[in-house]
Amino acid sequence: MRKSFVEAVLKNCNHEDCFFLTNDLGFMALEEIRAVFGHRFVNAGVAEQNMIGVAAGMAREGLQVIVYSIAPFIYARPFEQIRNNICFEGLPIRLVGNGGGYAYGHMGPTHHALEDCAVMSALGLRVLVPAFDEDLNEIIKHVSGPTYIRLGYDARSAVRSIPTYAAWRQVLDGQNGMLVALGPLAGVAVEALVDCEFKKRPAVWAVCELGEGVVPKEFWGKVTGSNIYIIEEHKAEGGIGMQLAYSFLKKGIQPARFQHRHALGYPSGTFGSQEFHRKQSGLDRESIKNLFLQDT
């Protein structure tokens, strides 16, 4: 999604009061932004905490600021600065973490982001997880306030069309309950299930924003008595599955079945590619497809 992110930034944010900060990352990806933004592109070096402080200072002066890094260096290393400098002040800074979940597979656990959505939600940031490349333009165009944007890889076939962007939207029809997929896992689910028999597959919902307030009435109206499946490349704690379960309890909604698949961490004690970790957690295409072949 980095290419689509760059295109969205250049299309929507190329004005004199917008600055782009990164911490010595983004090579072979951000050069076009650097060329166009000129002095408004700031390489803050390997100093994430300071980068957040600088961004906060700029925002307090009325500037618009985008801060980019790989996901763990955006939410984990500068946690205190995000809380104190951005959230306490309510500054409209867009934090962009590339490679959510296990995306930086072979680089190991230090480079994975499995609890980022929970952390950022707890701090009060708006959390956006685009599912498809086309989502980036709408997200960058309309986002405001303290925000965390988690980038991944669009797993959908290039020839497969999708509905217009919405925080929650149904991207595949089916009769076997509803599958809620966070961000790019929606594309994995579509590719896994699109050729399955209609009555055996679930309707797939792509979730691009956390929070009860963005769930559409159409979804709530279909939950009672339905089988609900949730997949997310994120720890169970604080993820979309836990948030939905809490919402169901508050609203008195009783699905017929509630099944949650999430990132399991490192159950084998080893690490490898993103696909390796997804398979261990039951989040790869084959595992998702088998879930519904066996569940009929």
C-alpha atoms as a PDB file:
ATOM      1  CA  MET A   1       0.000   0.000   0.000  1.00  0.00           C
ATOM      2  CA  ARG A   2       2.999   2.336   0.199  1.00  0.00           C
ATOM      3  CA  LYS A   3       2.664   3.359  -3.444  1.00  0.00           C
ATOM      4  CA  SER A   4      -1.028   4.181  -3.002  1.00  0.00           C
ATOM      5  CA  PHE A   5      -0.221   6.028   0.212  1.00  0.00           C
ATOM      6  CA  VAL A   6       2.384   8.171  -1.567  1.00  0.00           C
ATOM      7  CA  GLU A   7      -0.068   8.945  -4.362  1.00  0.00           C
ATOM      8  CA  ALA A   8      -2.747   9.929  -1.838  1.00  0.00           C
ATOM      9  CA  VAL A   9      -0.359  12.221   0.067  1.00  0.00           C
ATOM     10  CA  LEU A  10       0.773  13.980  -3.100  1.00  0.00           C
ATOM     11  CA  LYS A  11      -2.808  14.400  -4.299  1.00  0.00           C
ATOM     12  CA  ASN A  12      -4.316  15.645  -1.042  1.00  0.00           C
ATOM     13  CA  CYS A  13      -1.530  17.084   1.135  1.00  0.00           C
ATOM     14  CA  ASN A  14       0.835  18.974  -1.141  1.00  0.00           C
ATOM     15  CA  HIS A  15       0.348  22.447   0.288  1.00  0.00           C
ATOM     16  CA  GLU A  16       2.677  24.810   2.086  1.00  0.00           C
ATOM     17  CA  ASP A  17       1.426  24.182   5.606  1.00  0.00           C
ATOM     18  CA  CYS A  18       1.790  20.375   5.443  1.00  0.00           C
ATOM     19  CA  PHE A  19       5.017  18.670   6.571  1.00  0.00           C
ATOM     20  CA  PHE A  20       6.045  15.029   6.212  1.00  0.00           C
ATOM     21  CA  LEU A  21       8.366  13.491   8.833  1.00  0.00           C
ATOM     22  CA  THR A  22      10.090  10.114   8.746  1.00  0.00           C
ATOM     23  CA  ASN A  23      12.804   8.499  10.841  1.00  0.00           C
ATOM     24  CA  ASP A  24      15.409   7.520   8.264  1.00  0.00           C
ATOM     25  CA  LEU A  25      13.014   5.006   6.687  1.00  0.00           C
ATOM     26  CA  GLY A  26      11.010   4.767   3.498  1.00  0.00           C
ATOM     27  CA  PHE A  27      13.796   4.531   0.948  1.00  0.00           C
ATOM     28  CA  MET A  28      12.669   3.130  -2.403  1.00  0.00           C
ATOM     29  CA  ALA A  29       9.200   4.383  -1.420  1.00  0.00           C
ATOM     30  CA  LEU A  30       9.137   8.022  -0.291  1.00  0.00           C
ATOM     31  CA  GLU A  31      11.493   9.637  -2.790  1.00  0.00           C
ATOM     32  CA  GLU A  32       8.636  11.214  -4.737  1.00  0.00           C
ATOM     33  CA  ILE A  33       7.259  12.889  -1.614  1.00  0.00           C
ATOM     34  CA  ARG A  34      10.757  14.139  -0.768  1.00  0.00           C
ATOM     35  CA  ALA A  35      11.177  15.588  -4.248  1.00  0.00           C
ATOM     36  CA  VAL A  36       7.801  17.348  -4.246  1.00  0.00           C
ATOM     37  CA  PHE A  37       7.727  18.516  -0.611  1.00  0.00           C
ATOM     38  CA  GLY A  38      11.320  19.782  -0.576  1.00  0.00           C
ATOM     39  CA  HIS A  39      12.068  21.415   2.798  1.00  0.00           C
ATOM     40  CA  ARG A  40       8.696  20.165   4.065  1.00  0.00           C
ATOM     41  CA  PHE A  41      10.049  16.591   3.972  1.00  0.00           C
ATOM     42  CA  VAL A  42      12.029  16.044   7.182  1.00  0.00           C
ATOM     43  CA  ASN A  43      14.250  13.028   7.856  1.00  0.00           C
ATOM     44  CA  ALA A  44      14.323  13.059  11.655  1.00  0.00           C
ATOM     45  CA  GLY A  45      16.897  10.278  11.872  1.00  0.00           C
ATOM     46  CA  VAL A  46      16.716   7.248  14.140  1.00  0.00           C
ATOM     47  CA  ALA A  47      15.123   9.259  16.946  1.00  0.00           C
ATOM     48  CA  GLU A  48      11.455   8.362  17.089  1.00  0.00           C
ATOM     49  CA  GLN A  49      10.651  10.031  20.405  1.00  0.00           C
ATOM     50  CA  ASN A  50      12.174  13.293  19.229  1.00  0.00           C
ATOM     51  CA  MET A  51      10.348  13.005  15.897  1.00  0.00           C
ATOM     52  CA  ILE A  52       6.996  12.888  17.703  1.00  0.00           C
ATOM     53  CA  GLY A  53       7.996  15.907  19.806  1.00  0.00           C
ATOM     54  CA  VAL A  54       8.970  17.876  16.698  1.00  0.00           C
ATOM     55  CA  ALA A  55       5.690  16.900  15.011  1.00  0.00           C
ATOM     56  CA  ALA A  56       3.747  18.073  18.065  1.00  0.00           C
ATOM     57  CA  GLY A  57       5.577  21.397  18.054  1.00  0.00           C
ATOM     58  CA  MET A  58       4.759  21.913  14.387  1.00  0.00           C
ATOM     59  CA  ALA A  59       1.097  21.058  14.952  1.00  0.00           C
ATOM     60  CA  ARG A  60       0.870  23.527  17.847  1.00  0.00           C
ATOM     61  CA  GLU A  61       2.011  26.210  15.402  1.00  0.00           C
ATOM     62  CA  GLY A  62      -0.910  25.386  13.121  1.00  0.00           C
ATOM     63  CA  LEU A  63       0.917  23.173  10.633  1.00  0.00           C
ATOM     64  CA  GLN A  64      -0.445  19.892   9.302  1.00  0.00           C
ATOM     65  CA  VAL A  65       1.872  16.965   9.998  1.00  0.00           C
ATOM     66  CA  ILE A  66       2.173  13.397   8.710  1.00  0.00           C
ATOM     67  CA  VAL A  67       4.620  11.117  10.546  1.00  0.00           C
ATOM     68  CA  TYR A  68       5.678   7.895   8.825  1.00  0.00           C
ATOM     69  CA  SER A  69       7.639   4.843   9.943  1.00  0.00           C
ATOM     70  CA  ILE A  70       7.307   1.093  10.094  1.00  0.00           C
ATOM     71  CA  ALA A  71       4.509   0.287  12.516  1.00  0.00           C
ATOM     72  CA  PRO A  72       6.422  -0.735  15.693  1.00  0.00           C
ATOM     73  CA  PHE A  73       8.575   2.389  15.483  1.00  0.00           C
ATOM     74  CA  ILE A  74       5.470   4.580  15.309  1.00  0.00           C
ATOM     75  CA  TYR A  75       3.424   3.207  18.207  1.00  0.00           C
ATOM     76  CA  ALA A  76       5.797   1.333  20.523  1.00  0.00           C
ATOM     77  CA  ARG A  77       9.075   3.219  20.773  1.00  0.00           C
ATOM     78  CA  PRO A  78       7.547   6.726  21.154  1.00  0.00           C
ATOM     79  CA  PHE A  79       4.509   5.651  23.222  1.00  0.00           C
ATOM     80  CA  GLU A  80       4.982   8.246  25.967  1.00  0.00           C
ATOM     81  CA  GLN A  81       5.481  11.101  23.505  1.00  0.00           C
ATOM     82  CA  ILE A  82       2.318  10.111  21.619  1.00  0.00           C
ATOM     83  CA  ARG A  83       0.324  10.072  24.850  1.00  0.00           C
ATOM     84  CA  ASN A  84       1.758  13.268  26.357  1.00  0.00           C
ATOM     85  CA  ASN A  85       2.451  15.420  23.310  1.00  0.00           C
ATOM     86  CA  ILE A  86      -0.274  14.389  20.863  1.00  0.00           C
ATOM     87  CA  CYS A  87      -3.189  12.857  22.742  1.00  0.00           C
ATOM     88  CA  PHE A  88      -3.262  15.112  25.804  1.00  0.00           C
ATOM     89  CA  GLU A  89      -3.230  18.112  23.468  1.00  0.00           C
ATOM     90  CA  GLY A  90      -5.601  16.636  20.866  1.00  0.00           C
ATOM     91  CA  LEU A  91      -3.230  17.567  18.057  1.00  0.00           C
ATOM     92  CA  PRO A  92      -4.332  16.663  14.495  1.00  0.00           C
ATOM     93  CA  ILE A  93      -1.258  14.587  13.634  1.00  0.00           C
ATOM     94  CA  ARG A  94      -1.507  11.627  11.276  1.00  0.00           C
ATOM     95  CA  LEU A  95       0.731   8.762  12.402  1.00  0.00           C
ATOM     96  CA  VAL A  96       1.295   6.229   9.626  1.00  0.00           C
ATOM     97  CA  GLY A  97       2.677   2.784  10.445  1.00  0.00           C
ATOM     98  CA  ASN A  98       3.707   0.646   7.492  1.00  0.00           C
ATOM     99  CA  GLY A  99       3.665  -3.131   7.792  1.00  0.00           C
ATOM    100  CA  GLY A 100       0.989  -3.871  10.372  1.00  0.00           C
ATOM    101  CA  GLY A 101       0.755  -7.367  11.811  1.00  0.00           C
ATOM    102  CA  TYR A 102       3.461  -9.768  10.670  1.00  0.00           C
ATOM    103  CA  ALA A 103       4.285  -7.838   7.472  1.00  0.00           C
ATOM    104  CA  TYR A 104       7.992  -7.492   8.300  1.00  0.00           C
ATOM    105  CA  GLY A 105       8.087 -11.244   8.741  1.00  0.00           C
ATOM    106  CA  HIS A 106      11.715 -12.330   8.604  1.00  0.00           C
ATOM    107  CA  MET A 107      12.883  -9.320  10.610  1.00  0.00           C
ATOM    108  CA  GLY A 108      11.381 -10.913  13.698  1.00  0.00           C
ATOM    109  CA  PRO A 109       9.153  -9.951  16.619  1.00  0.00           C
ATOM    110  CA  THR A 110      10.796  -6.553  17.198  1.00  0.00           C
ATOM    111  CA  HIS A 111       9.556  -5.470  13.762  1.00  0.00           C
ATOM    112  CA  HIS A 112       6.034  -6.911  14.037  1.00  0.00           C
ATOM    113  CA  ALA A 113       2.984  -4.912  15.140  1.00  0.00           C
ATOM    114  CA  LEU A 114       0.459  -7.167  16.844  1.00  0.00           C
ATOM    115  CA  GLU A 115      -0.999  -4.872  19.500  1.00  0.00           C
ATOM    116  CA  ASP A 116      -0.778  -1.488  17.770  1.00  0.00           C
ATOM    117  CA  CYS A 117      -4.510  -0.984  17.182  1.00  0.00           C
ATOM    118  CA  ALA A 118      -5.284  -1.691  20.840  1.00  0.00           C
ATOM    119  CA  VAL A 119      -2.536   0.660  22.041  1.00  0.00           C
ATOM    120  CA  MET A 120      -3.566   3.524  19.797  1.00  0.00           C
ATOM    121  CA  SER A 121      -7.278   3.055  20.530  1.00  0.00           C
ATOM    122  CA  ALA A 122      -6.567   3.088  24.265  1.00  0.00           C
ATOM    123  CA  LEU A 123      -4.764   6.408  23.878  1.00  0.00           C
ATOM    124  CA  GLY A 124      -7.760   7.878  22.093  1.00  0.00           C
ATOM    125  CA  LEU A 125      -6.442   8.043  18.548  1.00  0.00           C
ATOM    126  CA  ARG A 126      -8.701   7.263  15.646  1.00  0.00           C
ATOM    127  CA  VAL A 127      -7.464   3.937  14.232  1.00  0.00           C
ATOM    128  CA  LEU A 128      -7.767   3.334  10.469  1.00  0.00           C
ATOM    129  CA  VAL A 129      -6.737   0.093   8.761  1.00  0.00           C
ATOM    130  CA  PRO A 130      -7.211   0.322   4.972  1.00  0.00           C
ATOM    131  CA  ALA A 131      -8.145  -2.970   3.371  1.00  0.00           C
ATOM    132  CA  PHE A 132      -7.385  -2.132  -0.264  1.00  0.00           C
ATOM    133  CA  ASP A 133      -5.111   0.239  -2.158  1.00  0.00           C
ATOM    134  CA  GLU A 134      -8.034   2.384  -3.292  1.00  0.00           C
ATOM    135  CA  ASP A 135      -8.962   3.114   0.323  1.00  0.00           C
ATOM    136  CA  LEU A 136      -5.908   5.308   0.881  1.00  0.00           C
ATOM    137  CA  ASN A 137      -7.114   8.282  -1.126  1.00  0.00           C
ATOM    138  CA  GLU A 138     -10.413   8.526   0.756  1.00  0.00           C
ATOM    139  CA  ILE A 139      -8.713   8.030   4.113  1.00  0.00           C
ATOM    140  CA  ILE A 140      -5.974  10.631   3.568  1.00  0.00           C
ATOM    141  CA  LYS A 141      -8.448  13.106   2.083  1.00  0.00           C
ATOM    142  CA  HIS A 142     -10.880  13.079   4.987  1.00  0.00           C
ATOM    143  CA  VAL A 143      -8.856  12.206   8.074  1.00  0.00           C
ATOM    144  CA  SER A 144      -8.537  14.765  10.843  1.00  0.00           C
ATOM    145  CA  GLY A 145      -7.640  14.799  14.518  1.00  0.00           C
ATOM    146  CA  PRO A 146      -5.101  12.481  16.206  1.00  0.00           C
ATOM    147  CA  THR A 147      -5.046   9.438  13.914  1.00  0.00           C
ATOM    148  CA  TYR A 148      -3.149   6.189  13.439  1.00  0.00           C
ATOM    149  CA  ILE A 149      -3.181   4.675   9.940  1.00  0.00           C
ATOM    150  CA  ARG A 150      -1.968   1.066   9.700  1.00  0.00           C
ATOM    151  CA  LEU A 151      -0.719   0.103   6.231  1.00  0.00           C
ATOM    152  CA  GLY A 152      -0.481  -3.454   4.947  1.00  0.00           C
ATOM    153  CA  TYR A 153      -0.568  -5.285   1.623  1.00  0.00           C
ATOM    154  CA  ASP A 154      -3.630  -5.397  -0.634  1.00  0.00           C
ATOM    155  CA  ALA A 155      -4.141  -9.154  -1.017  1.00  0.00           C
ATOM    156  CA  ARG A 156      -7.029  -8.951  -3.466  1.00  0.00           C
ATOM    157  CA  SER A 157      -6.654  -9.930  -7.083  1.00  0.00           C
ATOM    158  CA  ALA A 158      -6.042  -6.839  -9.200  1.00  0.00           C
ATOM    159  CA  VAL A 159      -9.020  -7.669 -11.420  1.00  0.00           C
ATOM    160  CA  ARG A 160     -11.481  -7.945  -8.561  1.00  0.00           C
ATOM    161  CA  SER A 161     -13.565  -4.830  -8.012  1.00  0.00           C
ATOM    162  CA  ILE A 162     -14.647  -3.626  -4.563  1.00  0.00           C
ATOM    163  CA  PRO A 163     -17.408  -1.353  -3.263  1.00  0.00           C
ATOM    164  CA  THR A 164     -16.741   2.315  -2.597  1.00  0.00           C
ATOM    165  CA  TYR A 165     -14.794   2.987   0.582  1.00  0.00           C
ATOM    166  CA  ALA A 166     -16.596   2.909   3.918  1.00  0.00           C
ATOM    167  CA  ALA A 167     -15.320   2.266   7.429  1.00  0.00           C
ATOM    168  CA  TRP A 168     -17.348  -0.983   7.348  1.00  0.00           C
ATOM    169  CA  ARG A 169     -18.612  -2.467   4.093  1.00  0.00           C
ATOM    170  CA  GLN A 170     -19.655  -5.821   2.723  1.00  0.00           C
ATOM    171  CA  VAL A 171     -17.242  -6.882  -0.028  1.00  0.00           C
ATOM    172  CA  LEU A 172     -18.516 -10.411  -0.751  1.00  0.00           C
ATOM    173  CA  ASP A 173     -21.990 -11.868  -0.432  1.00  0.00           C
ATOM    174  CA  GLY A 174     -22.787 -15.238   1.108  1.00  0.00           C
ATOM    175  CA  GLN A 175     -25.370 -17.149   3.143  1.00  0.00           C
ATOM    176  CA  ASN A 176     -23.287 -18.832   5.875  1.00  0.00           C
ATOM    177  CA  GLY A 177     -23.198 -16.030   8.446  1.00  0.00           C
ATOM    178  CA  MET A 178     -20.832 -13.058   8.383  1.00  0.00           C
ATOM    179  CA  LEU A 179     -17.048 -12.894   8.401  1.00  0.00           C
ATOM    180  CA  VAL A 180     -15.570  -9.667   9.765  1.00  0.00           C
ATOM    181  CA  ALA A 181     -12.018  -9.059   8.510  1.00  0.00           C
ATOM    182  CA  LEU A 182      -9.747  -6.279   9.750  1.00  0.00           C
ATOM    183  CA  GLY A 183      -7.964  -4.368   6.997  1.00  0.00           C
ATOM    184  CA  PRO A 184      -6.014  -6.337   4.393  1.00  0.00           C
ATOM    185  CA  LEU A 185      -7.306  -9.683   5.679  1.00  0.00           C
ATOM    186  CA  ALA A 186     -10.532  -8.769   3.882  1.00  0.00           C
ATOM    187  CA  GLY A 187      -8.671  -9.277   0.603  1.00  0.00           C
ATOM    188  CA  VAL A 188      -7.289 -12.596   1.844  1.00  0.00           C
ATOM    189  CA  ALA A 189     -10.814 -13.705   2.775  1.00  0.00           C
ATOM    190  CA  VAL A 190     -12.295 -12.657  -0.564  1.00  0.00           C
ATOM    191  CA  GLU A 191      -9.628 -14.542  -2.489  1.00  0.00           C
ATOM    192  CA  ALA A 192     -10.148 -17.605  -0.269  1.00  0.00           C
ATOM    193  CA  LEU A 193     -13.939 -17.684  -0.519  1.00  0.00           C
ATOM    194  CA  VAL A 194     -14.990 -16.110  -3.815  1.00  0.00           C
ATOM    195  CA  ASP A 195     -15.118 -19.469  -5.620  1.00  0.00           C
ATOM    196  CA  CYS A 196     -16.831 -21.308  -2.770  1.00  0.00           C
ATOM    197  CA  GLU A 197     -20.456 -22.334  -3.068  1.00  0.00           C
ATOM    198  CA  PHE A 198     -22.692 -19.366  -2.227  1.00  0.00           C
ATOM    199  CA  LYS A 199     -24.641 -21.116   0.537  1.00  0.00           C
ATOM    200  CA  LYS A 200     -21.441 -22.374   2.219  1.00  0.00           C
ATOM    201  CA  ARG A 201     -19.528 -19.112   2.316  1.00  0.00           C
ATOM    202  CA  PRO A 202     -20.197 -16.163   4.621  1.00  0.00           C
ATOM    203  CA  ALA A 203     -20.761 -12.571   3.659  1.00  0.00           C
ATOM    204  CA  VAL A 204     -17.362 -10.882   4.039  1.00  0.00           C
ATOM    205  CA  TRP A 205     -17.191  -7.490   5.749  1.00  0.00           C
ATOM    206  CA  ALA A 206     -14.064  -5.351   5.397  1.00  0.00           C
ATOM    207  CA  VAL A 207     -13.402  -3.330   8.554  1.00  0.00           C
ATOM    208  CA  CYS A 208     -11.201  -0.268   8.112  1.00  0.00           C
ATOM    209  CA  GLU A 209     -11.890   1.568  11.357  1.00  0.00           C
ATOM    210  CA  LEU A 210     -12.135   0.489  14.974  1.00  0.00           C
ATOM    211  CA  GLY A 211     -14.871   1.779  17.260  1.00  0.00           C
ATOM    212  CA  GLU A 212     -18.514   0.934  17.849  1.00  0.00           C
ATOM    213  CA  GLY A 213     -19.735   4.221  16.457  1.00  0.00           C
ATOM    214  CA  VAL A 214     -18.703   3.449  12.874  1.00  0.00           C
ATOM    215  CA  VAL A 215     -20.491   0.081  12.614  1.00  0.00           C
ATOM    216  CA  PRO A 216     -23.435   0.523  10.203  1.00  0.00           C
ATOM    217  CA  LYS A 217     -27.046  -0.313  11.090  1.00  0.00           C
ATOM    218  CA  GLU A 218     -27.053  -2.816   8.244  1.00  0.00           C
ATOM    219  CA  PHE A 219     -24.497  -4.936  10.117  1.00  0.00           C
ATOM    220  CA  TRP A 220     -26.259  -4.768  13.497  1.00  0.00           C
ATOM    221  CA  GLY A 221     -29.495  -5.819  11.829  1.00  0.00           C
ATOM    222  CA  LYS A 222     -28.011  -9.078  10.590  1.00  0.00           C
ATOM    223  CA  VAL A 223     -26.104 -10.215  13.673  1.00  0.00           C
ATOM    224  CA  THR A 224     -28.774 -11.784  15.883  1.00  0.00           C
ATOM    225  CA  GLY A 225     -29.054 -15.491  15.159  1.00  0.00           C
ATOM    226  CA  SER A 226     -26.177 -15.430  12.635  1.00  0.00           C
ATOM    227  CA  ASN A 227     -22.814 -17.140  12.732  1.00  0.00           C
ATOM    228  CA  ILE A 228     -20.152 -14.466  13.276  1.00  0.00           C
ATOM    229  CA  TYR A 229     -16.524 -15.089  12.332  1.00  0.00           C
ATOM    230  CA  ILE A 230     -13.795 -12.529  12.993  1.00  0.00           C
ATOM    231  CA  ILE A 231     -10.259 -12.534  11.611  1.00  0.00           C
ATOM    232  CA  GLU A 232      -7.537 -10.027  12.448  1.00  0.00           C
ATOM    233  CA  GLU A 233      -3.741  -9.934  12.249  1.00  0.00           C
ATOM    234  CA  HIS A 234      -3.651  -8.518  15.759  1.00  0.00           C
ATOM    235  CA  LYS A 235      -3.627  -9.884  19.292  1.00  0.00           C
ATOM    236  CA  ALA A 236      -7.018 -10.835  20.699  1.00  0.00           C
ATOM    237  CA  GLU A 237      -6.662  -8.286  23.476  1.00  0.00           C
ATOM    238  CA  GLY A 238      -8.042  -4.939  22.350  1.00  0.00           C
ATOM    239  CA  GLY A 239      -8.633  -5.932  18.749  1.00  0.00           C
ATOM    240  CA  ILE A 240     -11.795  -5.830  16.646  1.00  0.00           C
ATOM    241  CA  GLY A 241     -12.969  -9.193  18.013  1.00  0.00           C
ATOM    242  CA  MET A 242     -12.910  -8.045  21.613  1.00  0.00           C
ATOM    243  CA  GLN A 243     -14.519  -4.726  20.700  1.00  0.00           C
ATOM    244  CA  LEU A 244     -17.354  -6.485  18.864  1.00  0.00           C
ATOM    245  CA  ALA A 245     -17.931  -8.957  21.696  1.00  0.00           C
ATOM    246  CA  TYR A 246     -18.235  -6.052  24.125  1.00  0.00           C
ATOM    247  CA  SER A 247     -20.672  -4.284  21.794  1.00  0.00           C
ATOM    248  CA  PHE A 248     -22.792  -7.415  21.491  1.00  0.00           C
ATOM    249  CA  LEU A 249     -23.039  -7.669  25.286  1.00  0.00           C
ATOM    250  CA  LYS A 250     -23.981  -4.008  25.684  1.00  0.00           C
ATOM    251  CA  LYS A 251     -26.647  -4.218  22.997  1.00  0.00           C
ATOM    252  CA  GLY A 252     -28.000  -7.598  24.137  1.00  0.00           C
ATOM    253  CA  ILE A 253     -27.195  -9.131  20.746  1.00  0.00           C
ATOM    254  CA  GLN A 254     -26.833 -12.903  20.617  1.00  0.00           C
ATOM    255  CA  PRO A 255     -25.191 -14.365  17.508  1.00  0.00           C
ATOM    256  CA  ALA A 256     -25.734 -18.066  16.936  1.00  0.00           C
ATOM    257  CA  ARG A 257     -21.970 -18.557  16.956  1.00  0.00           C
ATOM    258  CA  PHE A 258     -18.983 -16.340  17.661  1.00  0.00           C
ATOM    259  CA  GLN A 259     -15.591 -17.496  16.375  1.00  0.00           C
ATOM    260  CA  HIS A 260     -12.504 -15.306  16.591  1.00  0.00           C
ATOM    261  CA  ARG A 261      -9.190 -15.945  14.829  1.00  0.00           C
ATOM    262  CA  HIS A 262      -6.351 -13.608  15.671  1.00  0.00           C
ATOM    263  CA  ALA A 263      -2.570 -13.374  15.745  1.00  0.00           C
ATOM    264  CA  LEU A 264      -1.240 -16.054  18.089  1.00  0.00           C
ATOM    265  CA  GLY A 265       2.157 -14.471  18.561  1.00  0.00           C
ATOM    266  CA  TYR A 266       4.906 -17.078  18.143  1.00  0.00           C
ATOM    267  CA  PRO A 267       3.441 -20.462  19.171  1.00  0.00           C
ATOM    268  CA  SER A 268       6.306 -22.446  17.626  1.00  0.00           C
ATOM    269  CA  GLY A 269       8.988 -20.205  19.094  1.00  0.00           C
ATOM    270  CA  THR A 270      10.226 -19.349  15.607  1.00  0.00           C
ATOM    271  CA  PHE A 271       9.570 -16.582  13.112  1.00  0.00           C
ATOM    272  CA  GLY A 272       9.448 -16.356   9.335  1.00  0.00           C
ATOM    273  CA  SER A 273       7.478 -14.739   6.523  1.00  0.00           C
ATOM    274  CA  GLN A 274       4.123 -13.067   6.972  1.00  0.00           C
ATOM    275  CA  GLU A 275       2.482 -16.038   5.274  1.00  0.00           C
ATOM    276  CA  PHE A 276       4.221 -18.407   7.719  1.00  0.00           C
ATOM    277  CA  HIS A 277       2.801 -16.526  10.700  1.00  0.00           C
ATOM    278  CA  ARG A 278      -0.636 -16.184   9.153  1.00  0.00           C
ATOM    279  CA  LYS A 279      -0.779 -19.926   8.602  1.00  0.00           C
ATOM    280  CA  GLN A 280       0.233 -20.631  12.206  1.00  0.00           C
ATOM    281  CA  SER A 281      -2.620 -18.378  13.329  1.00  0.00           C
ATOM    282  CA  GLY A 282      -5.165 -19.796  10.874  1.00  0.00           C
ATOM    283  CA  LEU A 283      -5.297 -16.520   8.943  1.00  0.00           C
ATOM    284  CA  ASP A 284      -3.992 -17.612   5.527  1.00  0.00           C
ATOM    285  CA  ARG A 285      -6.214 -18.267   2.516  1.00  0.00           C
ATOM    286  CA  GLU A 286      -6.217 -22.056   2.866  1.00  0.00           C
ATOM    287  CA  SER A 287      -7.109 -21.964   6.562  1.00  0.00           C
ATOM    288  CA  ILE A 288      -9.926 -19.479   6.005  1.00  0.00           C
ATOM    289  CA  LYS A 289     -11.361 -21.536   3.163  1.00  0.00           C
ATOM    290  CA  ASN A 290     -11.128 -24.770   5.148  1.00  0.00           C
ATOM    291  CA  LEU A 291     -12.961 -23.156   8.046  1.00  0.00           C
ATOM    292  CA  PHE A 292     -16.101 -22.949   5.918  1.00  0.00           C
ATOM    293  CA  LEU A 293     -15.649 -26.197   4.020  1.00  0.00           C
ATOM    294  CA  GLN A 294     -15.599 -27.972   7.387  1.00  0.00           C
ATOM    295  CA  ASP A 295     -18.321 -25.837   8.918  1.00  0.00           C
ATOM    296  CA  THR A 296     -21.188 -27.054   6.770  1.00  0.00           C
END
